[in-house]
PDB file of N, CA and C in Angstrom:
ATOM      1  N   UNK A   1     -19.623 -10.853  11.820  1.00  0.00           N
ATOM      2  CA  UNK A   1     -18.672  -9.773  11.982  1.00  0.00           C
ATOM      3  C   UNK A   1     -18.929  -8.669  10.976  1.00  0.00           C
ATOM      4  N   UNK A   2     -19.312  -9.071   9.758  1.00  0.00           N
ATOM      5  CA  UNK A   2     -19.585  -8.101   8.711  1.00  0.00           C
ATOM      6  C   UNK A   2     -20.777  -7.211   9.118  1.00  0.00           C
ATOM      7  N   UNK A   3     -21.765  -7.836   9.720  1.00  0.00           N
ATOM      8  CA  UNK A   3     -22.955  -7.114  10.163  1.00  0.00           C
ATOM      9  C   UNK A   3     -22.614  -6.116  11.256  1.00  0.00           C
ATOM     10  N   UNK A   4     -21.771  -6.522  12.182  1.00  0.00           N
ATOM     11  CA  UNK A   4     -21.369  -5.616  13.258  1.00  0.00           C
ATOM     12  C   UNK A   4     -20.624  -4.402  12.694  1.00  0.00           C
ATOM     13  N   UNK A   5     -19.744  -4.657  11.747  1.00  0.00           N
ATOM     14  CA  UNK A   5     -19.012  -3.567  11.129  1.00  0.00           C
ATOM     15  C   UNK A   5     -19.926  -2.610  10.399  1.00  0.00           C
ATOM     16  N   UNK A   6     -20.869  -3.140   9.677  1.00  0.00           N
ATOM     17  CA  UNK A   6     -21.830  -2.290   8.946  1.00  0.00           C
ATOM     18  C   UNK A   6     -22.695  -1.485   9.925  1.00  0.00           C
ATOM     19  N   UNK A   7     -23.157  -2.115  11.021  1.00  0.00           N
ATOM     20  CA  UNK A   7     -23.919  -1.378  12.013  1.00  0.00           C
ATOM     21  C   UNK A   7     -23.097  -0.237  12.635  1.00  0.00           C
ATOM     22  N   UNK A   8     -21.846  -0.539  12.925  1.00  0.00           N
ATOM     23  CA  UNK A   8     -20.963   0.463  13.472  1.00  0.00           C
ATOM     24  C   UNK A   8     -20.753   1.622  12.472  1.00  0.00           C
ATOM     25  N   UNK A   9     -20.560   1.285  11.186  1.00  0.00           N
ATOM     26  CA  UNK A   9     -20.363   2.321  10.185  1.00  0.00           C
ATOM     27  C   UNK A   9     -21.646   3.177  10.031  1.00  0.00           C
ATOM     28  N   UNK A  10     -22.803   2.566  10.066  1.00  0.00           N
ATOM     29  CA  UNK A  10     -24.056   3.316   9.972  1.00  0.00           C
ATOM     30  C   UNK A  10     -24.217   4.233  11.191  1.00  0.00           C
ATOM     31  N   UNK A  11     -23.896   3.722  12.363  1.00  0.00           N
ATOM     32  CA  UNK A  11     -23.984   4.539  13.598  1.00  0.00           C
ATOM     33  C   UNK A  11     -23.016   5.717  13.515  1.00  0.00           C
ATOM     34  N   UNK A  12     -21.805   5.470  13.068  1.00  0.00           N
ATOM     35  CA  UNK A  12     -20.828   6.542  12.944  1.00  0.00           C
ATOM     36  C   UNK A  12     -21.261   7.580  11.957  1.00  0.00           C
ATOM     37  N   UNK A  13     -21.831   7.140  10.833  1.00  0.00           N
ATOM     38  CA  UNK A  13     -22.337   8.073   9.819  1.00  0.00           C
ATOM     39  C   UNK A  13     -23.462   8.928  10.441  1.00  0.00           C
ATOM     40  N   UNK A  14     -24.352   8.320  11.181  1.00  0.00           N
ATOM     41  CA  UNK A  14     -25.479   9.078  11.787  1.00  0.00           C
ATOM     42  C   UNK A  14     -24.957  10.097  12.804  1.00  0.00           C
ATOM     43  N   UNK A  15     -23.920   9.723  13.566  1.00  0.00           N
ATOM     44  CA  UNK A  15     -23.326  10.671  14.506  1.00  0.00           C
ATOM     45  C   UNK A  15     -22.749  11.870  13.791  1.00  0.00           C
ATOM     46  N   UNK A  16     -21.946  11.598  12.731  1.00  0.00           N
ATOM     47  CA  UNK A  16     -21.334  12.712  11.978  1.00  0.00           C
ATOM     48  C   UNK A  16     -22.359  13.534  11.227  1.00  0.00           C
ATOM     49  N   UNK A  17     -23.405  12.885  10.726  1.00  0.00           N
ATOM     50  CA  UNK A  17     -24.463  13.611  10.037  1.00  0.00           C
ATOM     51  C   UNK A  17     -25.202  14.518  11.026  1.00  0.00           C
ATOM     52  N   UNK A  18     -25.462  14.030  12.219  1.00  0.00           N
ATOM     53  CA  UNK A  18     -26.080  14.867  13.257  1.00  0.00           C
ATOM     54  C   UNK A  18     -25.164  16.037  13.625  1.00  0.00           C
ATOM     55  N   UNK A  19     -23.873  15.765  13.707  1.00  0.00           N
ATOM     56  CA  UNK A  19     -22.874  16.807  13.983  1.00  0.00           C
ATOM     57  C   UNK A  19     -22.922  17.873  12.887  1.00  0.00           C
ATOM     58  N   UNK A  20     -23.058  17.447  11.635  1.00  0.00           N
ATOM     59  CA  UNK A  20     -23.085  18.400  10.523  1.00  0.00           C
ATOM     60  C   UNK A  20     -24.352  19.246  10.590  1.00  0.00           C
ATOM     61  N   UNK A  21     -25.467  18.652  10.940  1.00  0.00           N
ATOM     62  CA  UNK A  21     -26.721  19.392  11.015  1.00  0.00           C
ATOM     63  C   UNK A  21     -26.698  20.400  12.157  1.00  0.00           C
ATOM     64  N   UNK A  22     -26.015  20.108  13.245  1.00  0.00           N
ATOM     65  CA  UNK A  22     -25.945  21.001  14.393  1.00  0.00           C
ATOM     66  C   UNK A  22     -24.971  22.179  14.167  1.00  0.00           C
ATOM     67  N   UNK A  23     -24.012  22.020  13.280  1.00  0.00           N
ATOM     68  CA  UNK A  23     -22.968  23.033  13.088  1.00  0.00           C
ATOM     69  C   UNK A  23     -23.078  23.681  11.707  1.00  0.00           C
ATOM     70  N   UNK A  24     -24.149  24.328  11.448  1.00  0.00           N
ATOM     71  CA  UNK A  24     -24.352  24.988  10.182  1.00  0.00           C
ATOM     72  C   UNK A  24     -24.068  26.521  10.277  1.00  0.00           C
ATOM     73  N   UNK A  25     -23.641  26.978  11.432  1.00  0.00           N
ATOM     74  CA  UNK A  25     -23.319  28.414  11.597  1.00  0.00           C
ATOM     75  C   UNK A  25     -22.125  28.753  10.716  1.00  0.00           C
ATOM     76  N   UNK A  26     -22.168  29.999  10.182  1.00  0.00           N
ATOM     77  CA  UNK A  26     -21.049  30.431   9.379  1.00  0.00           C
ATOM     78  C   UNK A  26     -19.907  30.885  10.292  1.00  0.00           C
ATOM     79  N   UNK A  27     -18.727  30.489   9.854  1.00  0.00           N
ATOM     80  CA  UNK A  27     -17.525  30.931  10.597  1.00  0.00           C
ATOM     81  C   UNK A  27     -16.619  31.657   9.622  1.00  0.00           C
ATOM     82  N   UNK A  28     -15.725  32.468  10.168  1.00  0.00           N
ATOM     83  CA  UNK A  28     -14.798  33.222   9.340  1.00  0.00           C
ATOM     84  C   UNK A  28     -13.436  32.573   9.496  1.00  0.00           C
ATOM     85  N   UNK A  29     -12.848  32.246   8.387  1.00  0.00           N
ATOM     86  CA  UNK A  29     -11.504  31.684   8.377  1.00  0.00           C
ATOM     87  C   UNK A  29     -10.551  32.798   7.896  1.00  0.00           C
ATOM     88  N   UNK A  30      -9.656  33.167   8.780  1.00  0.00           N
ATOM     89  CA  UNK A  30      -8.714  34.234   8.479  1.00  0.00           C
ATOM     90  C   UNK A  30      -7.485  33.587   7.808  1.00  0.00           C
ATOM     91  N   UNK A  31      -7.245  33.986   6.575  1.00  0.00           N
ATOM     92  CA  UNK A  31      -6.113  33.455   5.832  1.00  0.00           C
ATOM     93  C   UNK A  31      -4.963  34.464   5.794  1.00  0.00           C
ATOM     94  N   UNK A  32      -3.925  34.192   5.091  1.00  0.00           N
ATOM     95  CA  UNK A  32      -2.791  35.119   4.989  1.00  0.00           C
ATOM     96  C   UNK A  32      -3.145  36.322   4.141  1.00  0.00           C
ATOM     97  N   UNK A  33      -2.425  37.400   4.313  1.00  0.00           N
ATOM     98  CA  UNK A  33      -2.552  38.647   3.590  1.00  0.00           C
ATOM     99  C   UNK A  33      -3.956  39.231   3.747  1.00  0.00           C
ATOM    100  N   UNK A  34      -4.496  39.200   4.921  1.00  0.00           N
ATOM    101  CA  UNK A  34      -5.785  39.780   5.302  1.00  0.00           C
ATOM    102  C   UNK A  34      -6.948  39.218   4.496  1.00  0.00           C
ATOM    103  N   UNK A  35      -6.818  38.054   3.985  1.00  0.00           N
ATOM    104  CA  UNK A  35      -7.921  37.420   3.252  1.00  0.00           C
ATOM    105  C   UNK A  35      -8.775  36.631   4.238  1.00  0.00           C
ATOM    106  N   UNK A  36     -10.057  36.611   3.998  1.00  0.00           N
ATOM    107  CA  UNK A  36     -10.972  35.848   4.865  1.00  0.00           C
ATOM    108  C   UNK A  36     -11.901  35.023   4.013  1.00  0.00           C
ATOM    109  N   UNK A  37     -12.417  33.977   4.619  1.00  0.00           N
ATOM    110  CA  UNK A  37     -13.382  33.137   3.925  1.00  0.00           C
ATOM    111  C   UNK A  37     -14.493  32.798   4.909  1.00  0.00           C
ATOM    112  N   UNK A  38     -15.722  32.987   4.443  1.00  0.00           N
ATOM    113  CA  UNK A  38     -16.889  32.667   5.272  1.00  0.00           C
ATOM    114  C   UNK A  38     -17.531  31.401   4.713  1.00  0.00           C
ATOM    115  N   UNK A  39     -17.764  30.458   5.596  1.00  0.00           N
ATOM    116  CA  UNK A  39     -18.393  29.190   5.162  1.00  0.00           C
ATOM    117  C   UNK A  39     -18.951  28.500   6.392  1.00  0.00           C
ATOM    118  N   UNK A  40     -19.863  27.594   6.223  1.00  0.00           N
ATOM    119  CA  UNK A  40     -20.354  26.816   7.363  1.00  0.00           C
ATOM    120  C   UNK A  40     -19.233  25.995   7.971  1.00  0.00           C
ATOM    121  N   UNK A  41     -19.297  25.824   9.274  1.00  0.00           N
ATOM    122  CA  UNK A  41     -18.230  25.123  10.003  1.00  0.00           C
ATOM    123  C   UNK A  41     -18.011  23.697   9.468  1.00  0.00           C
ATOM    124  N   UNK A  42     -19.095  22.985   9.215  1.00  0.00           N
ATOM    125  CA  UNK A  42     -18.938  21.603   8.766  1.00  0.00           C
ATOM    126  C   UNK A  42     -18.274  21.551   7.382  1.00  0.00           C
ATOM    127  N   UNK A  43     -18.551  22.557   6.531  1.00  0.00           N
ATOM    128  CA  UNK A  43     -17.914  22.565   5.202  1.00  0.00           C
ATOM    129  C   UNK A  43     -16.398  22.757   5.352  1.00  0.00           C
ATOM    130  N   UNK A  44     -15.998  23.660   6.208  1.00  0.00           N
ATOM    131  CA  UNK A  44     -14.556  23.888   6.442  1.00  0.00           C
ATOM    132  C   UNK A  44     -13.915  22.653   7.022  1.00  0.00           C
ATOM    133  N   UNK A  45     -14.597  21.992   7.963  1.00  0.00           N
ATOM    134  CA  UNK A  45     -14.055  20.772   8.547  1.00  0.00           C
ATOM    135  C   UNK A  45     -13.871  19.683   7.467  1.00  0.00           C
ATOM    136  N   UNK A  46     -14.880  19.574   6.601  1.00  0.00           N
ATOM    137  CA  UNK A  46     -14.824  18.566   5.546  1.00  0.00           C
ATOM    138  C   UNK A  46     -13.683  18.853   4.582  1.00  0.00           C
ATOM    139  N   UNK A  47     -13.513  20.142   4.211  1.00  0.00           N
ATOM    140  CA  UNK A  47     -12.423  20.495   3.301  1.00  0.00           C
ATOM    141  C   UNK A  47     -11.061  20.205   3.892  1.00  0.00           C
ATOM    142  N   UNK A  48     -10.871  20.535   5.181  1.00  0.00           N
ATOM    143  CA  UNK A  48      -9.593  20.250   5.804  1.00  0.00           C
ATOM    144  C   UNK A  48      -9.358  18.763   6.020  1.00  0.00           C
ATOM    145  N   UNK A  49     -10.400  18.005   6.262  1.00  0.00           N
ATOM    146  CA  UNK A  49     -10.302  16.563   6.407  1.00  0.00           C
ATOM    147  C   UNK A  49      -9.846  15.934   5.077  1.00  0.00           C
ATOM    148  N   UNK A  50     -10.489  16.345   3.972  1.00  0.00           N
ATOM    149  CA  UNK A  50     -10.137  15.817   2.651  1.00  0.00           C
ATOM    150  C   UNK A  50      -8.715  16.256   2.263  1.00  0.00           C
ATOM    151  N   UNK A  51      -8.394  17.484   2.551  1.00  0.00           N
ATOM    152  CA  UNK A  51      -7.015  17.936   2.234  1.00  0.00           C
ATOM    153  C   UNK A  51      -5.979  17.160   3.016  1.00  0.00           C
ATOM    154  N   UNK A  52      -6.245  16.858   4.273  1.00  0.00           N
ATOM    155  CA  UNK A  52      -5.301  16.056   5.060  1.00  0.00           C
ATOM    156  C   UNK A  52      -5.205  14.650   4.575  1.00  0.00           C
ATOM    157  N   UNK A  53      -6.336  14.060   4.133  1.00  0.00           N
ATOM    158  CA  UNK A  53      -6.259  12.685   3.592  1.00  0.00           C
ATOM    159  C   UNK A  53      -5.450  12.652   2.299  1.00  0.00           C
ATOM    160  N   UNK A  54      -5.654  13.640   1.448  1.00  0.00           N
ATOM    161  CA  UNK A  54      -4.917  13.711   0.195  1.00  0.00           C
ATOM    162  C   UNK A  54      -3.432  13.880   0.438  1.00  0.00           C
ATOM    163  N   UNK A  55      -3.055  14.787   1.394  1.00  0.00           N
ATOM    164  CA  UNK A  55      -1.643  14.961   1.684  1.00  0.00           C
ATOM    165  C   UNK A  55      -1.036  13.701   2.324  1.00  0.00           C
ATOM    166  N   UNK A  56      -1.801  12.984   3.113  1.00  0.00           N
ATOM    167  CA  UNK A  56      -1.312  11.729   3.699  1.00  0.00           C
ATOM    168  C   UNK A  56      -1.052  10.693   2.612  1.00  0.00           C
ATOM    169  N   UNK A  57      -1.959  10.578   1.655  1.00  0.00           N
ATOM    170  CA  UNK A  57      -1.760   9.630   0.564  1.00  0.00           C
ATOM    171  C   UNK A  57      -0.551  10.026  -0.255  1.00  0.00           C
ATOM    172  N   UNK A  58      -0.392  11.275  -0.559  1.00  0.00           N
ATOM    173  CA  UNK A  58       0.781  11.723  -1.326  1.00  0.00           C
ATOM    174  C   UNK A  58       2.075  11.491  -0.568  1.00  0.00           C
ATOM    175  N   UNK A  59       2.028  11.647   0.742  1.00  0.00           N
ATOM    176  CA  UNK A  59       3.248  11.433   1.545  1.00  0.00           C
ATOM    177  C   UNK A  59       3.672   9.971   1.543  1.00  0.00           C
ATOM    178  N   UNK A  60       2.692   9.049   1.459  1.00  0.00           N
ATOM    179  CA  UNK A  60       3.000   7.622   1.497  1.00  0.00           C
ATOM    180  C   UNK A  60       3.323   7.046   0.128  1.00  0.00           C
ATOM    181  N   UNK A  61       3.076   7.783  -0.963  1.00  0.00           N
ATOM    182  CA  UNK A  61       3.237   7.262  -2.296  1.00  0.00           C
ATOM    183  C   UNK A  61       4.682   6.803  -2.540  1.00  0.00           C
ATOM    184  N   UNK A  62       5.653   7.618  -2.162  1.00  0.00           N
ATOM    185  CA  UNK A  62       7.054   7.228  -2.362  1.00  0.00           C
ATOM    186  C   UNK A  62       7.421   5.950  -1.649  1.00  0.00           C
ATOM    187  N   UNK A  63       6.973   5.798  -0.420  1.00  0.00           N
ATOM    188  CA  UNK A  63       7.278   4.610   0.373  1.00  0.00           C
ATOM    189  C   UNK A  63       6.624   3.365  -0.283  1.00  0.00           C
ATOM    190  N   UNK A  64       5.391   3.497  -0.702  1.00  0.00           N
ATOM    191  CA  UNK A  64       4.668   2.377  -1.289  1.00  0.00           C
ATOM    192  C   UNK A  64       5.367   1.948  -2.581  1.00  0.00           C
ATOM    193  N   UNK A  65       5.750   2.903  -3.427  1.00  0.00           N
ATOM    194  CA  UNK A  65       6.415   2.566  -4.666  1.00  0.00           C
ATOM    195  C   UNK A  65       7.788   1.914  -4.420  1.00  0.00           C
ATOM    196  N   UNK A  66       8.508   2.374  -3.416  1.00  0.00           N
ATOM    197  CA  UNK A  66       9.788   1.771  -3.079  1.00  0.00           C
ATOM    198  C   UNK A  66       9.612   0.326  -2.631  1.00  0.00           C
ATOM    199  N   UNK A  67       8.602   0.057  -1.815  1.00  0.00           N
ATOM    200  CA  UNK A  67       8.343  -1.307  -1.365  1.00  0.00           C
ATOM    201  C   UNK A  67       7.911  -2.204  -2.527  1.00  0.00           C
ATOM    202  N   UNK A  68       7.117  -1.664  -3.450  1.00  0.00           N
ATOM    203  CA  UNK A  68       6.721  -2.469  -4.609  1.00  0.00           C
ATOM    204  C   UNK A  68       7.934  -2.822  -5.474  1.00  0.00           C
ATOM    205  N   UNK A  69       8.855  -1.882  -5.661  1.00  0.00           N
ATOM    206  CA  UNK A  69      10.049  -2.173  -6.476  1.00  0.00           C
ATOM    207  C   UNK A  69      10.884  -3.222  -5.770  1.00  0.00           C
ATOM    208  N   UNK A  70      11.021  -3.134  -4.466  1.00  0.00           N
ATOM    209  CA  UNK A  70      11.799  -4.113  -3.709  1.00  0.00           C
ATOM    210  C   UNK A  70      11.135  -5.477  -3.783  1.00  0.00           C
ATOM    211  N   UNK A  71       9.827  -5.530  -3.704  1.00  0.00           N
ATOM    212  CA  UNK A  71       9.117  -6.787  -3.806  1.00  0.00           C
ATOM    213  C   UNK A  71       9.302  -7.422  -5.180  1.00  0.00           C
ATOM    214  N   UNK A  72       9.212  -6.666  -6.247  1.00  0.00           N
ATOM    215  CA  UNK A  72       9.446  -7.187  -7.586  1.00  0.00           C
ATOM    216  C   UNK A  72      10.872  -7.721  -7.731  1.00  0.00           C
ATOM    217  N   UNK A  73      11.842  -6.960  -7.166  1.00  0.00           N
ATOM    218  CA  UNK A  73      13.230  -7.419  -7.240  1.00  0.00           C
ATOM    219  C   UNK A  73      13.419  -8.723  -6.475  1.00  0.00           C
ATOM    220  N   UNK A  74      12.777  -8.878  -5.316  1.00  0.00           N
ATOM    221  CA  UNK A  74      12.876 -10.137  -4.554  1.00  0.00           C
ATOM    222  C   UNK A  74      12.205 -11.268  -5.300  1.00  0.00           C
ATOM    223  N   UNK A  75      11.083 -11.018  -5.979  1.00  0.00           N
ATOM    224  CA  UNK A  75      10.417 -12.068  -6.734  1.00  0.00           C
ATOM    225  C   UNK A  75      11.305 -12.551  -7.886  1.00  0.00           C
ATOM    226  N   UNK A  76      11.950 -11.623  -8.558  1.00  0.00           N
ATOM    227  CA  UNK A  76      12.845 -12.019  -9.668  1.00  0.00           C
ATOM    228  C   UNK A  76      14.014 -12.833  -9.150  1.00  0.00           C
ATOM    229  N   UNK A  77      14.604 -12.423  -8.059  1.00  0.00           N
ATOM    230  CA  UNK A  77      15.700 -13.180  -7.462  1.00  0.00           C
ATOM    231  C   UNK A  77      15.241 -14.577  -7.046  1.00  0.00           C
ATOM    232  N   UNK A  78      14.042 -14.671  -6.487  1.00  0.00           N
ATOM    233  CA  UNK A  78      13.510 -15.938  -6.051  1.00  0.00           C
ATOM    234  C   UNK A  78      13.295 -16.865  -7.249  1.00  0.00           C
ATOM    235  N   UNK A  79      12.768 -16.343  -8.367  1.00  0.00           N
ATOM    236  CA  UNK A  79      12.586 -17.126  -9.576  1.00  0.00           C
ATOM    237  C   UNK A  79      13.919 -17.617 -10.120  1.00  0.00           C
ATOM    238  N   UNK A  80      14.938 -16.751 -10.105  1.00  0.00           N
ATOM    239  CA  UNK A  80      16.278 -17.153 -10.592  1.00  0.00           C
ATOM    240  C   UNK A  80      16.841 -18.239  -9.718  1.00  0.00           C
ATOM    241  N   UNK A  81      16.668 -18.152  -8.389  1.00  0.00           N
ATOM    242  CA  UNK A  81      17.193 -19.173  -7.510  1.00  0.00           C
ATOM    243  C   UNK A  81      16.428 -20.487  -7.675  1.00  0.00           C
ATOM    244  N   UNK A  82      15.122 -20.435  -7.912  1.00  0.00           N
ATOM    245  CA  UNK A  82      14.376 -21.628  -8.149  1.00  0.00           C
ATOM    246  C   UNK A  82      14.809 -22.323  -9.454  1.00  0.00           C
ATOM    247  N   UNK A  83      15.032 -21.527 -10.517  1.00  0.00           N
ATOM    248  CA  UNK A  83      15.522 -22.097 -11.782  1.00  0.00           C
ATOM    249  C   UNK A  83      16.898 -22.741 -11.588  1.00  0.00           C
ATOM    250  N   UNK A  84      17.773 -22.061 -10.857  1.00  0.00           N
ATOM    251  CA  UNK A  84      19.112 -22.627 -10.610  1.00  0.00           C
ATOM    252  C   UNK A  84      18.974 -23.908  -9.805  1.00  0.00           C
ATOM    253  N   UNK A  85      18.098 -23.981  -8.830  1.00  0.00           N
ATOM    254  CA  UNK A  85      17.913 -25.184  -8.014  1.00  0.00           C
ATOM    255  C   UNK A  85      17.346 -26.316  -8.837  1.00  0.00           C
ATOM    256  N   UNK A  86      16.386 -26.009  -9.738  1.00  0.00           N
ATOM    257  CA  UNK A  86      15.852 -27.027 -10.617  1.00  0.00           C
ATOM    258  C   UNK A  86      16.915 -27.560 -11.578  1.00  0.00           C
ATOM    259  N   UNK A  87      17.737 -26.688 -12.110  1.00  0.00           N
ATOM    260  CA  UNK A  87      18.798 -27.089 -13.040  1.00  0.00           C
ATOM    261  C   UNK A  87      19.790 -27.998 -12.267  1.00  0.00           C
ATOM    262  N   UNK A  88      20.167 -27.609 -11.070  1.00  0.00           N
ATOM    263  CA  UNK A  88      21.104 -28.419 -10.272  1.00  0.00           C
ATOM    264  C   UNK A  88      20.500 -29.745  -9.920  1.00  0.00           C
ATOM    265  N   UNK A  89      19.219 -29.766  -9.596  1.00  0.00           N
ATOM    266  CA  UNK A  89      18.562 -31.059  -9.252  1.00  0.00           C
ATOM    267  C   UNK A  89      18.517 -31.969 -10.495  1.00  0.00           C
ATOM    268  N   UNK A  90      18.272 -31.387 -11.643  1.00  0.00           N
ATOM    269  CA  UNK A  90      18.192 -32.150 -12.891  1.00  0.00           C
ATOM    270  C   UNK A  90      19.564 -32.737 -13.201  1.00  0.00           C
ATOM    271  N   UNK A  91      20.622 -31.948 -13.017  1.00  0.00           N
ATOM    272  CA  UNK A  91      21.981 -32.419 -13.283  1.00  0.00           C
ATOM    273  C   UNK A  91      22.356 -33.547 -12.314  1.00  0.00           C
ATOM    274  N   UNK A  92      21.974 -33.456 -11.084  1.00  0.00           N
ATOM    275  CA  UNK A  92      22.328 -34.457 -10.091  1.00  0.00           C
ATOM    276  C   UNK A  92      21.571 -35.771 -10.325  1.00  0.00           C
ATOM    277  N   UNK A  93      20.398 -35.711 -10.896  1.00  0.00           N
ATOM    278  CA  UNK A  93      19.640 -36.941 -11.121  1.00  0.00           C
ATOM    279  C   UNK A  93      20.075 -37.674 -12.376  1.00  0.00           C
ATOM    280  N   UNK A  94      20.756 -36.993 -13.299  1.00  0.00           N
ATOM    281  CA  UNK A  94      21.234 -37.647 -14.508  1.00  0.00           C
ATOM    282  C   UNK A  94      22.452 -38.476 -14.244  1.00  0.00           C
ATOM    283  N   UNK A  95      22.568 -39.652 -14.854  1.00  0.00           N
ATOM    284  CA  UNK A  95      23.805 -40.461 -14.683  1.00  0.00           C
ATOM    285  C   UNK A  95      24.957 -39.770 -15.336  1.00  0.00           C
ATOM    286  N   UNK A  96      26.171 -39.998 -14.827  1.00  0.00           N
ATOM    287  CA  UNK A  96      27.340 -39.325 -15.424  1.00  0.00           C
ATOM    288  C   UNK A  96      27.602 -39.892 -16.832  1.00  0.00           C
ATOM    289  N   UNK A  97      28.191 -39.074 -17.656  1.00  0.00           N
ATOM    290  CA  UNK A  97      28.548 -39.451 -19.012  1.00  0.00           C
ATOM    291  C   UNK A  97      29.712 -40.421 -18.969  1.00  0.00           C
ATOM    292  N   UNK A  98      29.772 -41.356 -19.904  1.00  0.00           N
ATOM    293  CA  UNK A  98      30.842 -42.370 -19.873  1.00  0.00           C
ATOM    294  C   UNK A  98      32.274 -41.809 -19.896  1.00  0.00           C
ATOM    295  N   UNK A  99      32.531 -40.802 -20.715  1.00  0.00           N
ATOM    296  CA  UNK A  99      33.863 -40.255 -20.803  1.00  0.00           C
ATOM    297  C   UNK A  99      34.285 -39.561 -19.480  1.00  0.00           C
ATOM    298  N   UNK A 100      33.313 -39.010 -18.772  1.00  0.00           N
ATOM    299  CA  UNK A 100      33.614 -38.418 -17.485  1.00  0.00           C
ATOM    300  C   UNK A 100      34.004 -39.486 -16.473  1.00  0.00           C
ATOM    301  N   UNK A 101      33.318 -40.621 -16.535  1.00  0.00           N
ATOM    302  CA  UNK A 101      33.635 -41.744 -15.628  1.00  0.00           C
ATOM    303  C   UNK A 101      35.023 -42.278 -15.924  1.00  0.00           C
ATOM    304  N   UNK A 102      35.373 -42.349 -17.203  1.00  0.00           N
ATOM    305  CA  UNK A 102      36.716 -42.843 -17.586  1.00  0.00           C
ATOM    306  C   UNK A 102      37.775 -41.898 -17.074  1.00  0.00           C
ATOM    307  N   UNK A 103      37.486 -40.576 -17.146  1.00  0.00           N
ATOM    308  CA  UNK A 103      38.495 -39.609 -16.668  1.00  0.00           C
ATOM    309  C   UNK A 103      38.651 -39.697 -15.141  1.00  0.00           C
ATOM    310  N   UNK A 104      37.559 -39.962 -14.474  1.00  0.00           N
ATOM    311  CA  UNK A 104      37.595 -40.022 -13.032  1.00  0.00           C
ATOM    312  C   UNK A 104      38.412 -41.248 -12.575  1.00  0.00           C
ATOM    313  N   UNK A 105      38.260 -42.332 -13.309  1.00  0.00           N
ATOM    314  CA  UNK A 105      38.997 -43.560 -12.954  1.00  0.00           C
ATOM    315  C   UNK A 105      40.469 -43.425 -13.288  1.00  0.00           C
ATOM    316  N   UNK A 106      40.754 -42.686 -14.319  1.00  0.00           N
ATOM    317  CA  UNK A 106      42.135 -42.445 -14.705  1.00  0.00           C
ATOM    318  C   UNK A 106      42.550 -43.251 -15.926  1.00  0.00           C
ATOM    319  N   UNK A 107      41.618 -43.621 -16.704  1.00  0.00           N
ATOM    320  CA  UNK A 107      41.955 -44.413 -17.931  1.00  0.00           C
ATOM    321  C   UNK A 107      42.023 -43.541 -19.140  1.00  0.00           C
TER     322      UNK A 107
END
């Protein structure tokens, strides 16, 4: 499976590399306030792809951090419940103290 994935990645790289070599013509990007930028098409595509990836990662950062905090909170609660269960199990396995038995009998 690993070999298939690597072959697919190499093929995809070759396709994109060929695409980059075919699209070296300069294009004009019209920006705001009558500003323009001239650059090869593939360079502009690469810049916008990277910018989109960075914005996507930044957009997900808050959600990921919120899930991590919730996971840590759940782990702490789970540890507290396990400690409480261990303490309860230890108390149940110990024989009752003699004075408690006397009080239960009514003496």
